[in-house]
């Protein structure tokens, strides 16, 4: 999973700033893996990170964000960004 977050050294003009990176899919997969190994805290932290990100224009990433918000709501945890679960 961590290798998927590495920025290729020969791609474009350089690595974007951390707040400009879009790692929703990597975070979603990492949250899934945390759930599978029984690390509820790790899963919740990653779901919160996903839900707090700026709304993606990519509809698939937007669906992952909504799913993260819903999963947090099911756990009784707010996403921390004021978004209500549908």
C-alpha atoms as a PDB file:
ATOM      1  CA  UNK A   1       0.000   0.000   0.000  1.00  0.00           C
ATOM      2  CA  UNK A   2       2.732   2.461   0.866  1.00  0.00           C
ATOM      3  CA  UNK A   3       4.378   2.003  -2.531  1.00  0.00           C
ATOM      4  CA  UNK A   4       1.181   3.240  -4.183  1.00  0.00           C
ATOM      5  CA  UNK A   5       1.650   6.565  -2.391  1.00  0.00           C
ATOM      6  CA  UNK A   6       5.206   7.114  -3.690  1.00  0.00           C
ATOM      7  CA  UNK A   7       5.495   9.832  -6.306  1.00  0.00           C
ATOM      8  CA  UNK A   8       7.492   8.810  -9.416  1.00  0.00           C
ATOM      9  CA  UNK A   9      10.660  10.887  -9.670  1.00  0.00           C
ATOM     10  CA  UNK A  10      10.376  11.338 -13.452  1.00  0.00           C
ATOM     11  CA  UNK A  11       6.745  12.391 -13.605  1.00  0.00           C
ATOM     12  CA  UNK A  12       6.041  16.014 -14.375  1.00  0.00           C
ATOM     13  CA  UNK A  13       7.569  18.977 -12.606  1.00  0.00           C
ATOM     14  CA  UNK A  14       7.512  17.517  -9.114  1.00  0.00           C
ATOM     15  CA  UNK A  15       5.501  16.032  -6.322  1.00  0.00           C
ATOM     16  CA  UNK A  16       2.422  18.019  -5.262  1.00  0.00           C
ATOM     17  CA  UNK A  17       2.087  19.377  -1.752  1.00  0.00           C
ATOM     18  CA  UNK A  18       0.566  16.888   0.720  1.00  0.00           C
ATOM     19  CA  UNK A  19      -2.763  18.749   0.889  1.00  0.00           C
ATOM     20  CA  UNK A  20      -3.004  18.666  -2.926  1.00  0.00           C
ATOM     21  CA  UNK A  21      -2.467  14.912  -3.268  1.00  0.00           C
ATOM     22  CA  UNK A  22      -5.472  12.755  -3.994  1.00  0.00           C
ATOM     23  CA  UNK A  23      -5.059   9.487  -2.112  1.00  0.00           C
ATOM     24  CA  UNK A  24      -8.696   8.604  -1.517  1.00  0.00           C
ATOM     25  CA  UNK A  25      -8.426   5.191  -3.169  1.00  0.00           C
ATOM     26  CA  UNK A  26      -5.214   4.301  -1.288  1.00  0.00           C
ATOM     27  CA  UNK A  27      -6.800   5.429   2.002  1.00  0.00           C
ATOM     28  CA  UNK A  28      -9.957   3.435   1.247  1.00  0.00           C
ATOM     29  CA  UNK A  29      -7.967   0.257   0.578  1.00  0.00           C
ATOM     30  CA  UNK A  30      -5.840   0.846   3.682  1.00  0.00           C
ATOM     31  CA  UNK A  31      -9.016   1.279   5.782  1.00  0.00           C
ATOM     32  CA  UNK A  32     -10.363  -1.992   4.371  1.00  0.00           C
ATOM     33  CA  UNK A  33      -7.128  -3.779   5.294  1.00  0.00           C
ATOM     34  CA  UNK A  34      -7.190  -2.279   8.793  1.00  0.00           C
ATOM     35  CA  UNK A  35     -10.727  -3.612   9.230  1.00  0.00           C
ATOM     36  CA  UNK A  36      -9.685  -7.078   8.031  1.00  0.00           C
ATOM     37  CA  UNK A  37      -6.842  -7.287  10.574  1.00  0.00           C
ATOM     38  CA  UNK A  38      -9.138  -6.088  13.366  1.00  0.00           C
ATOM     39  CA  UNK A  39      -7.682  -2.598  13.830  1.00  0.00           C
ATOM     40  CA  UNK A  40     -10.871  -0.604  14.312  1.00  0.00           C
ATOM     41  CA  UNK A  41      -8.997   2.545  15.367  1.00  0.00           C
ATOM     42  CA  UNK A  42      -6.843   2.514  12.238  1.00  0.00           C
ATOM     43  CA  UNK A  43      -9.888   1.943  10.066  1.00  0.00           C
ATOM     44  CA  UNK A  44     -11.800   4.784  11.714  1.00  0.00           C
ATOM     45  CA  UNK A  45      -8.862   7.194  11.375  1.00  0.00           C
ATOM     46  CA  UNK A  46      -8.532   6.462   7.664  1.00  0.00           C
ATOM     47  CA  UNK A  47     -12.290   6.774   7.085  1.00  0.00           C
ATOM     48  CA  UNK A  48     -12.201  10.147   8.826  1.00  0.00           C
ATOM     49  CA  UNK A  49      -9.343  11.283   6.594  1.00  0.00           C
ATOM     50  CA  UNK A  50     -11.355  10.283   3.518  1.00  0.00           C
ATOM     51  CA  UNK A  51     -14.505  12.039   4.718  1.00  0.00           C
ATOM     52  CA  UNK A  52     -12.611  15.247   5.564  1.00  0.00           C
ATOM     53  CA  UNK A  53     -10.994  15.649   2.166  1.00  0.00           C
ATOM     54  CA  UNK A  54     -12.192  18.236  -0.294  1.00  0.00           C
ATOM     55  CA  UNK A  55     -15.095  16.844  -2.329  1.00  0.00           C
ATOM     56  CA  UNK A  56     -13.684  15.071  -5.363  1.00  0.00           C
ATOM     57  CA  UNK A  57     -14.919  15.820  -8.882  1.00  0.00           C
ATOM     58  CA  UNK A  58     -14.339  12.165  -9.755  1.00  0.00           C
ATOM     59  CA  UNK A  59     -17.649  10.415  -9.182  1.00  0.00           C
ATOM     60  CA  UNK A  60     -16.040   7.170  -8.052  1.00  0.00           C
ATOM     61  CA  UNK A  61     -13.954   8.950  -5.452  1.00  0.00           C
ATOM     62  CA  UNK A  62     -17.052  10.877  -4.433  1.00  0.00           C
ATOM     63  CA  UNK A  63     -18.832   7.552  -3.880  1.00  0.00           C
ATOM     64  CA  UNK A  64     -15.938   6.372  -1.688  1.00  0.00           C
ATOM     65  CA  UNK A  65     -16.195   9.581   0.325  1.00  0.00           C
ATOM     66  CA  UNK A  66     -19.935   9.066   0.806  1.00  0.00           C
ATOM     67  CA  UNK A  67     -19.353   5.421   1.772  1.00  0.00           C
ATOM     68  CA  UNK A  68     -16.747   6.512   4.331  1.00  0.00           C
ATOM     69  CA  UNK A  69     -19.192   9.020   5.824  1.00  0.00           C
ATOM     70  CA  UNK A  70     -21.872   6.322   5.971  1.00  0.00           C
ATOM     71  CA  UNK A  71     -19.547   3.806   7.627  1.00  0.00           C
ATOM     72  CA  UNK A  72     -18.549   6.386  10.218  1.00  0.00           C
ATOM     73  CA  UNK A  73     -22.210   7.176  10.865  1.00  0.00           C
ATOM     74  CA  UNK A  74     -22.918   3.454  11.322  1.00  0.00           C
ATOM     75  CA  UNK A  75     -20.140   3.368  13.928  1.00  0.00           C
ATOM     76  CA  UNK A  76     -21.565   6.438  15.635  1.00  0.00           C
ATOM     77  CA  UNK A  77     -18.568   8.559  14.637  1.00  0.00           C
ATOM     78  CA  UNK A  78     -18.855  11.866  12.826  1.00  0.00           C
ATOM     79  CA  UNK A  79     -16.551  12.553   9.917  1.00  0.00           C
ATOM     80  CA  UNK A  80     -15.511  15.798  11.537  1.00  0.00           C
ATOM     81  CA  UNK A  81     -16.352  17.887   8.498  1.00  0.00           C
ATOM     82  CA  UNK A  82     -19.990  18.678   9.105  1.00  0.00           C
ATOM     83  CA  UNK A  83     -21.232  16.469   6.275  1.00  0.00           C
ATOM     84  CA  UNK A  84     -24.319  14.503   7.057  1.00  0.00           C
ATOM     85  CA  UNK A  85     -24.573  10.886   5.992  1.00  0.00           C
ATOM     86  CA  UNK A  86     -27.335  10.389   3.403  1.00  0.00           C
END
